[in-house]
């Protein structure tokens, strides 16, 4: 994402901004599910 931020600062346009925001949403979604899966697997191993 740092390259995208640099491109946004260099040449700001609505298209680039929308693409960047969509990428942020996707990364947030993936992190949320990764953390949820890790928490679920940690709880499962603690009960055994």
C-alpha atoms as a PDB file:
ATOM      1  CA  UNK A   1       0.000   0.000   0.000  1.00  0.00           C
ATOM      2  CA  UNK A   2       2.838   2.508   0.468  1.00  0.00           C
ATOM      3  CA  UNK A   3       3.235   2.733  -3.316  1.00  0.00           C
ATOM      4  CA  UNK A   4      -0.460   3.480  -3.669  1.00  0.00           C
ATOM      5  CA  UNK A   5      -0.223   6.237  -1.061  1.00  0.00           C
ATOM      6  CA  UNK A   6       2.728   7.751  -2.916  1.00  0.00           C
ATOM      7  CA  UNK A   7       0.760   7.654  -6.178  1.00  0.00           C
ATOM      8  CA  UNK A   8      -2.226   9.283  -4.479  1.00  0.00           C
ATOM      9  CA  UNK A   9      -0.075  12.103  -3.160  1.00  0.00           C
ATOM     10  CA  UNK A  10       1.600  12.581  -6.532  1.00  0.00           C
ATOM     11  CA  UNK A  11      -1.511  12.523  -8.719  1.00  0.00           C
ATOM     12  CA  UNK A  12      -4.768  12.631  -6.781  1.00  0.00           C
ATOM     13  CA  UNK A  13      -7.849  11.588  -8.729  1.00  0.00           C
ATOM     14  CA  UNK A  14     -11.237  10.168  -7.786  1.00  0.00           C
ATOM     15  CA  UNK A  15     -10.464   6.900  -9.537  1.00  0.00           C
ATOM     16  CA  UNK A  16      -7.219   6.350  -7.631  1.00  0.00           C
ATOM     17  CA  UNK A  17      -8.883   7.325  -4.356  1.00  0.00           C
ATOM     18  CA  UNK A  18     -11.751   4.863  -4.867  1.00  0.00           C
ATOM     19  CA  UNK A  19      -9.354   2.044  -5.773  1.00  0.00           C
ATOM     20  CA  UNK A  20      -7.235   2.802  -2.708  1.00  0.00           C
ATOM     21  CA  UNK A  21     -10.270   2.812  -0.408  1.00  0.00           C
ATOM     22  CA  UNK A  22     -11.485  -0.481  -1.873  1.00  0.00           C
ATOM     23  CA  UNK A  23      -8.061  -1.995  -1.226  1.00  0.00           C
ATOM     24  CA  UNK A  24      -8.159  -0.765   2.379  1.00  0.00           C
ATOM     25  CA  UNK A  25     -11.579  -2.380   2.831  1.00  0.00           C
ATOM     26  CA  UNK A  26     -10.336  -5.690   1.381  1.00  0.00           C
ATOM     27  CA  UNK A  27      -7.254  -5.712   3.624  1.00  0.00           C
ATOM     28  CA  UNK A  28      -9.416  -4.930   6.658  1.00  0.00           C
ATOM     29  CA  UNK A  29     -11.816  -7.741   5.756  1.00  0.00           C
ATOM     30  CA  UNK A  30      -8.977 -10.241   5.351  1.00  0.00           C
ATOM     31  CA  UNK A  31      -7.341  -9.199   8.624  1.00  0.00           C
ATOM     32  CA  UNK A  32     -10.647  -9.471  10.475  1.00  0.00           C
ATOM     33  CA  UNK A  33     -11.223 -13.006   9.230  1.00  0.00           C
ATOM     34  CA  UNK A  34      -7.616 -14.028   9.826  1.00  0.00           C
ATOM     35  CA  UNK A  35      -7.776 -12.804  13.427  1.00  0.00           C
ATOM     36  CA  UNK A  36     -11.158 -14.464  13.949  1.00  0.00           C
ATOM     37  CA  UNK A  37      -9.808 -17.777  12.640  1.00  0.00           C
ATOM     38  CA  UNK A  38      -6.742 -17.492  14.864  1.00  0.00           C
ATOM     39  CA  UNK A  39      -8.889 -16.699  17.930  1.00  0.00           C
ATOM     40  CA  UNK A  40     -11.208 -19.614  17.133  1.00  0.00           C
ATOM     41  CA  UNK A  41      -8.299 -22.050  16.782  1.00  0.00           C
ATOM     42  CA  UNK A  42      -6.719 -20.758  20.012  1.00  0.00           C
ATOM     43  CA  UNK A  43      -9.960 -21.328  21.928  1.00  0.00           C
ATOM     44  CA  UNK A  44     -10.301 -24.830  20.488  1.00  0.00           C
ATOM     45  CA  UNK A  45      -6.790 -25.852  21.512  1.00  0.00           C
ATOM     46  CA  UNK A  46      -7.219 -24.403  25.021  1.00  0.00           C
ATOM     47  CA  UNK A  47     -10.212 -26.639  25.727  1.00  0.00           C
ATOM     48  CA  UNK A  48      -8.430 -29.914  24.994  1.00  0.00           C
END
